[in-house]
Amino acid sequence: MAVDGYRITLDNDLDEWSDVEAAEETNEIGGGETSTRQNSSKPVKVNLEYQNELRKLILSIQNDLNISQDEKAKKVQELMTSHWRKNEKKPIDNSNIDDEFIEDDLKPTYSYEKSQKFGCKHYQRGSKLQAECCKRFFTCRFCHDEKCDHKIDRHATKNMMCMYCQTIQPASKTCNNCKRELARYYCDTCKFWDDHPVREIYHCDQCGICRQGRDKDFFHCEVCDCCLQIHLKGMHKCIEKNLDRDCMICGEYLFSSTMKPHLMLCGHSLHEECFIEYSKTAYQCPTCCKSIANMEIYFRRIDSIVAQQKMPPEYENFVANILCNDCEIRSTVSYHFSYHKCPECRGYNTKVLEIKSELPENNLPKSEGASTSTANSGSPNNSQVRQSRVMEVTAMMQREEGPTDGGNVTEHRTRNPLNSIESNNDA
C-alpha cells in the first residue's frame, strides 16, 4: 500500500489479516446457520504490526512541512481507506448481457395466485418488459422497483416478452409471433400495457405519462403542471408543480402515483384515500395548517360552548396574542383555556403566540406583608405567578380532552369534527 512515497510494507500481512477478518465476520455452524462476530465469544484478533506501521506513516505525513494541510488530509484519507478500497466489490457490468436471462424472469406471472389471467398484482397484461438498466424482465415498473435497488426508466424500454409464447421482441401491443393482443390499452411513449376490462386510461403529453380516467374529464393546469378534474378548472388555488412532491400521509410520490390525488382548499394535495382517512382525525392541512373544509358549522358550535364556560375570576384580565391559520391575521383576544376566536374570520383555527395580563401596574394585588423592597428585588409578584400558572394550565388542557358538549366530548386540536357535522346534516 503506497500513497505518493508513503508505503506500508505489510501487504502480505494485510492480505492475511483480511482473510482472518472475513472469517471472523461470518462463521458457518452446523445446520446452515450463521454466527456473526458480535455473537462470538472469541477475542477479536488485532494486527498490531500493521496498525503501528500505519500510525508511523500518518505521523510522518502530519510532520511533513512541504505539503499543505489539505494535501495532508487527503493522504491520510487514502491511507485509512486503502484497506476498504482494495476489497471493494466492483459493480457488475450489464452492457454485454443479451440473451443470458434469469430463468424466473422468463416465466409467466398472473394477476392472482389462482387466476389464469396474465399480469401481476398491479396490472393485467400479457407481456413482460425488459428494463434497460439491468436487462432483466419484469411484469411492470412497480415489480422492478420492488425487487431491485434502483428505479426503472420505463420510457427507455425497448423490448418485451410475450407471456403466451415466450418470444422476446420489440415492445408493441400485439405479439409478432403468436399474433395475440397483449393488452386492451398500450402506450408506446410510456411503454405501458393494461388489459383491465373496465379501467379507462389516457396519455397526457404535458405530463408525459398515462393517467387513469377519460381525457374529457380532466384538464392540464400549466401552473400546477399536472392533470386535474375538469370541475376544478378556474376554481382551485394554483401551486407551482403541485404534485411534484410526496404525499404527506403515506409518503408516496404524488405525480406518478396510481392513486387519485385530492386538492384541498389551501391548494395542497394528498391522495384521495389518504385524505379521507386523515379527515377523520384532523381538519388542518398537514402542510400549512389551514382548514381543509368549510368549518362554519363546527365553529358556531364552539361559540355556544365558550359562552357556557366562564373563565375563573383570576384569569379574566388575561389576554392572548393569536395568529389565525386561515386568514393569517394576528390579533389580541380574551384568554381561554382551549379556544381563541379570530375576530376577522370568526374561526377557531388559531395559534396562541403569547399570554399576558392587562392589569395596570398600580392595581396589581400584593400579598400580605409584602414590602416595596421585596417587589423591587426581583421576587415574582402575583401577576407573574398567575401568568406562569396560566401557561401551565394551558399546556395541561391541550394534552387533555376538551369540554363536553351534550355528553359528547369535543376536542378542538386533536379531533376532526367533520364526521359530527355530516351526521348533523344527515339528521
Protein backbone atom coordinates (compact mmCIF):
# COMPACT_ATOMS: atom_id res chain seq x y z
CA MET A 1 0.00 0.00 0.00
CA ALA A 2 1.57 3.30 -1.09
CA VAL A 3 0.45 6.95 -1.19
CA ASP A 4 2.88 9.28 -3.04
CA GLY A 5 6.04 7.90 -1.45
CA TYR A 6 4.46 6.74 1.80
CA ARG A 7 4.38 2.95 1.78
CA ILE A 8 3.33 0.24 4.18
CA THR A 9 5.42 -2.85 3.53
CA LEU A 10 2.94 -5.27 5.08
CA ASP A 11 0.86 -6.15 2.02
CA ASN A 12 1.13 -9.88 2.68
CA ASP A 13 0.25 -9.42 6.32
CA LEU A 14 -2.64 -7.21 5.25
CA ASP A 15 -3.98 -9.92 2.96
CA GLU A 16 -3.73 -12.46 5.76
CA TRP A 17 -5.44 -10.05 8.12
CA SER A 18 -8.25 -9.54 5.58
CA ASP A 19 -8.81 -13.30 5.40
CA VAL A 20 -8.87 -13.60 9.19
CA GLU A 21 -11.22 -10.64 9.48
CA ALA A 22 -13.59 -12.04 6.86
CA ALA A 23 -13.55 -15.44 8.53
CA GLU A 24 -14.40 -13.93 11.88
CA GLU A 25 -17.09 -11.75 10.36
CA THR A 26 -19.09 -14.81 9.26
CA ASN A 27 -18.56 -18.30 10.74
CA GLU A 28 -20.55 -21.26 9.45
CA ILE A 29 -22.22 -23.51 12.00
CA GLY A 30 -23.77 -26.91 11.50
CA GLY A 31 -27.25 -26.82 10.03
CA GLY A 32 -26.57 -23.88 7.72
CA GLU A 33 -26.84 -21.22 10.44
CA THR A 34 -24.51 -18.25 10.62
CA SER A 35 -22.90 -16.55 13.62
CA THR A 36 -21.57 -13.00 13.46
CA ARG A 37 -18.61 -11.55 15.29
CA GLN A 38 -20.99 -9.93 17.77
CA ASN A 39 -22.25 -13.34 18.83
CA SER A 40 -18.80 -14.89 19.08
CA SER A 41 -17.12 -15.16 22.49
CA LYS A 42 -13.65 -15.40 20.94
CA PRO A 43 -11.45 -12.30 21.26
CA VAL A 44 -11.02 -10.24 18.11
CA LYS A 45 -7.59 -10.60 16.54
CA VAL A 46 -5.74 -7.30 16.03
CA ASN A 47 -2.78 -6.90 13.68
CA LEU A 48 -0.61 -4.68 15.90
CA GLU A 49 2.29 -4.61 13.45
CA TYR A 50 0.08 -3.22 10.69
CA GLN A 51 -1.51 -0.64 12.98
CA ASN A 52 1.87 0.56 14.30
CA GLU A 53 3.16 0.97 10.77
CA LEU A 54 0.01 2.88 9.85
CA ARG A 55 0.47 5.25 12.79
CA LYS A 56 4.07 5.97 11.80
CA LEU A 57 3.02 6.85 8.27
CA ILE A 58 0.26 9.17 9.49
CA LEU A 59 2.70 10.94 11.83
CA SER A 60 5.25 11.32 9.05
CA ILE A 61 2.57 12.92 6.85
CA GLN A 62 1.50 15.28 9.61
CA ASN A 63 5.12 16.35 10.26
CA ASP A 64 5.90 16.98 6.60
CA LEU A 65 6.33 20.77 6.17
CA ASN A 66 6.43 20.66 2.38
CA ILE A 67 2.74 19.88 1.84
CA SER A 68 -0.40 21.86 2.73
CA GLN A 69 -3.00 20.86 5.27
CA ASP A 70 -5.45 19.88 2.50
CA GLU A 71 -2.86 17.57 0.94
CA LYS A 72 -2.10 16.05 4.36
CA ALA A 73 -5.78 15.35 4.95
CA LYS A 74 -6.11 13.76 1.50
CA LYS A 75 -3.08 11.48 2.00
CA VAL A 76 -4.28 10.36 5.45
CA GLN A 77 -7.72 9.68 3.98
CA GLU A 78 -6.21 7.50 1.26
CA LEU A 79 -4.14 5.58 3.80
CA MET A 80 -7.11 4.96 6.10
CA THR A 81 -9.39 3.78 3.25
CA SER A 82 -6.83 1.73 1.32
CA HIS A 83 -7.93 -1.49 3.04
CA TRP A 84 -11.56 -0.87 2.11
CA ARG A 85 -10.77 0.13 -1.48
CA LYS A 86 -8.65 -2.98 -2.00
CA ASN A 87 -11.55 -5.26 -1.03
CA GLU A 88 -14.31 -3.17 -2.58
CA LYS A 89 -16.75 -5.09 -4.77
CA LYS A 90 -16.86 -3.80 -8.33
CA PRO A 91 -20.31 -3.22 -9.85
CA ILE A 92 -21.47 -5.81 -12.32
CA ASP A 93 -21.29 -4.65 -15.93
CA ASN A 94 -24.52 -5.49 -17.74
CA SER A 95 -23.52 -3.94 -21.03
CA ASN A 96 -22.68 -7.31 -22.62
CA ILE A 97 -25.77 -9.16 -21.39
CA ASP A 98 -28.03 -10.03 -24.30
CA ASP A 99 -29.53 -13.50 -24.19
CA GLU A 100 -28.44 -14.64 -20.74
CA PHE A 101 -31.53 -14.13 -18.63
CA ILE A 102 -32.51 -15.38 -15.20
CA GLU A 103 -34.85 -18.35 -15.54
CA ASP A 104 -37.57 -16.83 -13.31
CA ASP A 105 -37.64 -13.70 -15.46
CA LEU A 106 -38.93 -15.70 -18.43
CA LYS A 107 -41.71 -17.43 -16.51
CA PRO A 108 -45.24 -16.04 -16.95
CA THR A 109 -46.87 -14.33 -13.97
CA TYR A 110 -50.54 -14.00 -13.04
CA SER A 111 -52.74 -11.28 -11.57
CA TYR A 112 -53.81 -13.52 -8.70
CA GLU A 113 -52.50 -16.82 -7.40
CA LYS A 114 -55.49 -18.84 -8.61
CA SER A 115 -56.15 -16.70 -11.67
CA GLN A 116 -55.24 -17.70 -15.22
CA LYS A 117 -55.09 -14.05 -16.28
CA PHE A 118 -51.57 -12.91 -17.10
CA GLY A 119 -50.23 -9.93 -15.20
CA CYS A 120 -49.17 -9.03 -11.65
CA LYS A 121 -50.71 -7.57 -8.52
CA HIS A 122 -50.51 -4.12 -10.11
CA TYR A 123 -51.74 -4.65 -13.68
CA GLN A 124 -53.27 -7.20 -16.04
CA ARG A 125 -51.18 -7.69 -19.18
CA GLY A 126 -49.85 -10.45 -21.39
CA SER A 127 -46.29 -9.16 -21.67
CA LYS A 128 -43.16 -8.53 -19.63
CA LEU A 129 -40.97 -5.50 -20.23
CA GLN A 130 -37.17 -5.62 -20.32
CA ALA A 131 -35.56 -2.99 -18.11
CA GLU A 132 -32.73 -1.26 -19.94
CA CYS A 133 -30.91 -0.59 -16.66
CA CYS A 134 -30.37 -4.23 -15.65
CA LYS A 135 -31.57 -6.10 -18.77
CA ARG A 136 -33.96 -8.23 -16.70
CA PHE A 137 -37.64 -8.90 -17.43
CA PHE A 138 -40.41 -7.70 -15.10
CA THR A 139 -44.18 -7.59 -15.45
CA CYS A 140 -44.36 -3.86 -14.65
CA ARG A 141 -42.27 -0.97 -13.34
CA PHE A 142 -43.53 -1.47 -9.78
CA CYS A 143 -42.38 -5.09 -9.81
CA HIS A 144 -38.94 -3.91 -10.94
CA ASP A 145 -38.65 -1.24 -8.23
CA GLU A 146 -39.72 -3.70 -5.52
CA LYS A 147 -37.06 -6.27 -6.43
CA CYS A 148 -34.17 -4.01 -7.42
CA ASP A 149 -32.16 -1.37 -5.61
CA HIS A 150 -32.70 1.21 -8.36
CA LYS A 151 -35.58 2.83 -10.24
CA ILE A 152 -36.52 1.91 -13.77
CA ASP A 153 -36.68 4.36 -16.67
CA ARG A 154 -39.77 2.96 -18.34
CA HIS A 155 -39.54 5.39 -21.25
CA ALA A 156 -36.21 3.79 -22.20
CA THR A 157 -37.80 0.33 -22.56
CA LYS A 158 -37.18 -1.23 -25.97
CA ASN A 159 -38.00 -4.95 -25.71
CA MET A 160 -40.73 -7.10 -24.24
CA MET A 161 -41.53 -10.79 -23.84
CA CYS A 162 -44.88 -12.28 -24.82
CA MET A 163 -46.07 -14.45 -21.90
CA TYR A 164 -48.18 -16.58 -24.28
CA CYS A 165 -45.30 -17.83 -26.42
CA GLN A 166 -42.21 -16.53 -24.50
CA THR A 167 -40.99 -14.66 -27.59
CA ILE A 168 -38.64 -11.71 -26.96
CA GLN A 169 -39.32 -8.88 -29.40
CA PRO A 170 -39.60 -5.09 -29.69
CA ALA A 171 -42.31 -3.53 -27.48
CA SER A 172 -45.74 -3.39 -29.12
CA LYS A 173 -49.41 -4.03 -28.45
CA THR A 174 -49.54 -7.32 -30.40
CA CYS A 175 -47.13 -10.26 -30.36
CA ASN A 176 -45.24 -10.63 -33.63
CA ASN A 177 -45.10 -14.41 -33.25
CA CYS A 178 -48.47 -15.63 -31.97
CA LYS A 179 -50.40 -12.53 -33.13
CA ARG A 180 -52.18 -12.22 -29.75
CA GLU A 181 -53.24 -8.85 -28.40
CA LEU A 182 -51.31 -8.39 -25.13
CA ALA A 183 -53.47 -5.61 -23.66
CA ARG A 184 -56.57 -3.55 -24.37
CA TYR A 185 -54.58 -0.35 -23.86
CA TYR A 186 -50.99 0.24 -24.95
CA CYS A 187 -48.95 3.47 -24.92
CA ASP A 188 -45.79 3.38 -27.00
CA THR A 189 -44.44 6.52 -25.29
CA CYS A 190 -44.69 5.18 -21.74
CA LYS A 191 -44.27 1.51 -22.75
CA PHE A 192 -47.38 0.78 -20.73
CA TRP A 193 -49.76 -2.17 -21.14
CA ASP A 194 -53.09 -2.59 -19.33
CA ASP A 195 -55.67 -5.29 -20.00
CA HIS A 196 -58.16 -4.31 -17.31
CA PRO A 197 -61.70 -4.77 -18.70
CA VAL A 198 -63.24 -1.52 -17.35
CA ARG A 199 -60.34 0.81 -16.48
CA GLU A 200 -60.08 3.85 -18.75
CA ILE A 201 -56.64 5.39 -19.39
CA TYR A 202 -55.39 8.33 -21.42
CA HIS A 203 -51.95 9.77 -22.16
CA CYS A 204 -51.18 13.41 -21.28
CA ASP A 205 -48.45 14.90 -23.46
CA GLN A 206 -47.79 17.74 -21.00
CA CYS A 207 -47.40 15.37 -18.04
CA GLY A 208 -45.51 12.88 -20.17
CA ILE A 209 -47.24 9.87 -18.59
CA CYS A 210 -50.50 7.92 -18.77
CA ARG A 211 -53.26 8.65 -16.26
CA GLN A 212 -56.46 6.91 -15.21
CA GLY A 213 -59.76 8.30 -16.40
CA ARG A 214 -61.25 9.76 -19.57
CA ASP A 215 -59.43 12.53 -21.37
CA LYS A 216 -62.51 14.76 -21.48
CA ASP A 217 -62.93 14.61 -17.68
CA PHE A 218 -59.53 16.20 -16.98
CA PHE A 219 -57.53 19.28 -17.96
CA HIS A 220 -53.84 20.07 -17.63
CA CYS A 221 -53.07 23.07 -15.40
CA GLU A 222 -49.94 24.82 -16.65
CA VAL A 223 -49.08 26.30 -13.23
CA CYS A 224 -49.69 23.16 -11.17
CA ASP A 225 -48.10 21.17 -14.04
CA CYS A 226 -50.47 18.22 -13.61
CA CYS A 227 -53.85 16.92 -14.71
CA LEU A 228 -56.84 17.93 -12.56
CA GLN A 229 -60.54 17.14 -12.69
CA ILE A 230 -62.46 19.38 -15.07
CA HIS A 231 -64.67 20.87 -12.33
CA LEU A 232 -61.56 22.40 -10.73
CA LYS A 233 -60.77 24.48 -13.80
CA GLY A 234 -60.59 28.09 -12.62
CA MET A 235 -61.85 27.00 -9.17
CA HIS A 236 -58.65 25.87 -7.45
CA LYS A 237 -55.64 27.57 -5.90
CA CYS A 238 -52.61 27.02 -8.12
CA ILE A 239 -49.30 25.96 -6.61
CA GLU A 240 -46.30 25.58 -8.92
CA LYS A 241 -45.59 21.90 -9.64
CA ASN A 242 -48.29 20.89 -7.18
CA LEU A 243 -47.84 17.13 -7.46
CA ASP A 244 -44.06 17.19 -7.64
CA ARG A 245 -43.80 16.07 -4.01
CA ASP A 246 -44.60 13.18 -1.69
CA CYS A 247 -47.97 12.62 -0.06
CA MET A 248 -47.74 13.99 3.50
CA ILE A 249 -49.64 10.96 4.84
CA CYS A 250 -48.22 7.88 3.10
CA GLY A 251 -45.02 9.32 1.64
CA GLU A 252 -45.64 8.11 -1.94
CA TYR A 253 -44.63 10.37 -4.83
CA LEU A 254 -47.83 12.05 -5.99
CA PHE A 255 -47.05 12.89 -9.62
CA SER A 256 -46.62 9.32 -10.87
CA SER A 257 -48.84 7.62 -8.29
CA THR A 258 -51.66 5.38 -9.49
CA MET A 259 -53.94 6.69 -6.71
CA LYS A 260 -56.18 9.68 -7.35
CA PRO A 261 -54.95 13.00 -5.86
CA HIS A 262 -57.19 15.32 -3.85
CA LEU A 263 -56.73 19.11 -3.84
CA MET A 264 -57.65 20.80 -0.55
CA LEU A 265 -58.97 24.36 -0.20
CA CYS A 266 -55.47 25.66 0.51
CA GLY A 267 -54.17 24.15 -2.75
CA HIS A 268 -52.01 21.39 -1.27
CA SER A 269 -52.56 17.79 -2.35
CA LEU A 270 -52.93 14.38 -0.76
CA HIS A 271 -54.05 11.03 -2.09
CA GLU A 272 -57.84 10.92 -2.02
CA GLU A 273 -57.79 7.76 0.12
CA CYS A 274 -55.26 9.34 2.49
CA PHE A 275 -57.39 12.49 2.70
CA ILE A 276 -60.49 10.51 3.68
CA GLU A 277 -58.64 8.72 6.48
CA TYR A 278 -56.82 11.84 7.64
CA SER A 279 -60.01 13.93 7.79
CA LYS A 280 -61.45 11.52 10.35
CA THR A 281 -58.98 12.73 12.98
CA ALA A 282 -57.91 16.25 11.91
CA TYR A 283 -59.19 19.25 9.99
CA GLN A 284 -55.94 21.17 9.42
CA CYS A 285 -53.77 20.80 6.32
CA PRO A 286 -50.62 18.89 7.35
CA THR A 287 -48.53 21.34 5.31
CA CYS A 288 -49.90 24.82 6.11
CA CYS A 289 -52.40 24.16 8.97
CA LYS A 290 -55.29 25.84 7.09
CA SER A 291 -58.76 24.30 7.34
CA ILE A 292 -59.23 21.51 4.81
CA ALA A 293 -63.03 22.04 4.61
CA ASN A 294 -65.74 24.57 5.46
CA MET A 295 -65.76 24.57 9.28
CA GLU A 296 -68.52 27.19 9.76
CA ILE A 297 -70.95 24.81 11.47
CA TYR A 298 -68.31 23.48 13.84
CA PHE A 299 -67.03 26.95 14.76
CA ARG A 300 -70.56 28.13 15.60
CA ARG A 301 -70.93 25.15 17.92
CA ILE A 302 -67.75 26.26 19.68
CA ASP A 303 -69.34 29.70 20.12
CA SER A 304 -72.08 28.17 22.24
CA ILE A 305 -69.55 26.08 24.20
CA VAL A 306 -67.40 29.11 25.02
CA ALA A 307 -70.48 31.12 26.05
CA GLN A 308 -71.34 28.45 28.62
CA GLN A 309 -67.82 28.26 30.02
CA LYS A 310 -66.94 31.31 32.07
CA MET A 311 -63.27 31.77 32.90
CA PRO A 312 -62.31 31.84 36.62
CA PRO A 313 -62.05 35.35 38.08
CA GLU A 314 -58.26 35.17 38.38
CA TYR A 315 -57.97 34.73 34.59
CA GLU A 316 -60.48 37.38 33.47
CA ASN A 317 -57.81 40.04 32.92
CA PHE A 318 -55.56 37.84 30.79
CA VAL A 319 -55.37 38.20 27.02
CA ALA A 320 -53.75 36.10 24.29
CA ASN A 321 -51.97 37.24 21.15
CA ILE A 322 -53.05 34.80 18.44
CA LEU A 323 -52.36 34.04 14.78
CA CYS A 324 -55.21 32.76 12.62
CA ASN A 325 -54.09 29.91 10.38
CA ASP A 326 -56.90 30.58 7.89
CA CYS A 327 -56.76 34.36 7.34
CA GLU A 328 -53.16 34.79 8.61
CA ILE A 329 -54.07 37.84 10.74
CA ARG A 330 -52.65 38.50 14.21
CA SER A 331 -54.98 39.78 16.90
CA THR A 332 -55.42 40.05 20.67
CA VAL A 333 -58.38 38.30 22.29
CA SER A 334 -59.54 37.30 25.76
CA TYR A 335 -57.64 34.32 27.08
CA HIS A 336 -59.36 30.91 27.14
CA PHE A 337 -58.05 27.53 28.17
CA SER A 338 -58.90 25.84 24.83
CA TYR A 339 -60.49 28.17 22.26
CA HIS A 340 -59.45 31.54 20.82
CA LYS A 341 -61.70 33.07 18.17
CA CYS A 342 -60.26 35.10 15.33
CA PRO A 343 -62.20 38.44 15.23
CA GLU A 344 -61.55 38.75 11.49
CA CYS A 345 -62.85 35.45 10.03
CA ARG A 346 -64.72 34.24 13.16
CA GLY A 347 -62.88 30.94 13.09
CA TYR A 348 -61.12 28.98 15.82
CA ASN A 349 -58.25 27.61 13.74
CA THR A 350 -55.79 29.78 15.66
CA LYS A 351 -52.40 29.53 17.32
CA VAL A 352 -51.53 31.19 20.67
CA LEU A 353 -48.37 33.30 20.37
CA GLU A 354 -48.28 34.96 23.79
CA ILE A 355 -50.31 35.14 27.02
CA LYS A 356 -50.16 38.27 29.19
CA SER A 357 -52.06 40.22 31.83
CA GLU A 358 -53.75 43.56 31.13
CA LEU A 359 -53.89 44.64 34.80
CA PRO A 360 -52.41 48.11 35.38
CA GLU A 361 -49.21 48.10 37.39
CA ASN A 362 -50.66 50.27 40.21
CA ASN A 363 -53.66 47.94 40.62
CA LEU A 364 -51.69 44.74 40.94
CA PRO A 365 -52.66 42.96 44.19
CA LYS A 366 -49.92 42.49 46.74
CA SER A 367 -49.60 39.65 49.17
CA GLU A 368 -49.93 40.34 52.88
CA GLY A 369 -46.73 41.65 54.45
CA ALA A 370 -45.02 42.24 51.11
CA SER A 371 -42.77 45.28 51.03
CA THR A 372 -41.67 47.56 48.22
CA SER A 373 -38.10 46.44 48.59
CA THR A 374 -39.15 42.84 48.15
CA ALA A 375 -41.03 43.71 44.95
CA ASN A 376 -38.05 45.59 43.58
CA SER A 377 -35.62 42.82 44.48
CA GLY A 378 -36.80 40.63 41.62
CA SER A 379 -39.22 38.37 43.56
CA PRO A 380 -42.23 37.31 41.44
CA ASN A 381 -45.44 39.25 42.07
CA ASN A 382 -48.97 37.87 41.95
CA SER A 383 -49.41 38.72 38.28
CA GLN A 384 -46.27 36.85 37.29
CA VAL A 385 -47.29 33.86 39.38
CA ARG A 386 -50.75 33.81 37.79
CA GLN A 387 -49.30 34.16 34.29
CA SER A 388 -46.98 31.23 34.96
CA ARG A 389 -49.95 29.26 36.23
CA VAL A 390 -51.95 30.15 33.11
CA MET A 391 -49.25 28.74 30.86
CA GLU A 392 -49.12 25.53 32.91
CA VAL A 393 -52.89 25.11 32.78
CA THR A 394 -52.92 25.83 29.03
CA ALA A 395 -50.33 23.15 28.37
CA MET A 396 -52.27 20.72 30.51
CA MET A 397 -55.58 21.49 28.78
CA GLN A 398 -54.04 20.98 25.35
CA ARG A 399 -52.99 17.49 26.36
CA GLU A 400 -56.36 16.59 27.81
CA GLU A 401 -59.76 16.27 26.17
CA GLY A 402 -61.72 19.43 25.58
CA PRO A 403 -65.06 20.41 27.13
CA THR A 404 -68.13 18.26 26.76
CA ASP A 405 -70.99 19.23 24.53
CA GLY A 406 -74.22 17.46 25.47
CA GLY A 407 -72.29 14.44 26.70
CA ASN A 408 -70.15 14.24 23.53
CA VAL A 409 -66.51 15.09 24.07
CA THR A 410 -65.28 17.73 21.63
CA GLU A 411 -61.59 18.44 21.30
CA HIS A 412 -60.56 21.42 19.17
CA ARG A 413 -56.96 20.50 18.45
CA THR A 414 -56.90 16.72 18.14
CA ARG A 415 -60.29 15.63 16.83
CA ASN A 416 -61.80 16.38 13.47
CA PRO A 417 -65.43 17.49 13.77
CA LEU A 418 -66.24 16.79 10.10
CA ASN A 419 -67.94 13.49 10.97
CA SER A 420 -70.19 15.09 13.58
CA ILE A 421 -71.06 17.91 11.17
CA GLU A 422 -72.01 15.39 8.49
CA SER A 423 -74.14 13.45 10.96
CA ASN A 424 -75.97 16.64 11.90
CA ASN A 425 -76.58 17.44 8.23
CA ASP A 426 -77.89 13.93 7.60
CA ALA A 427 -80.26 14.28 10.51
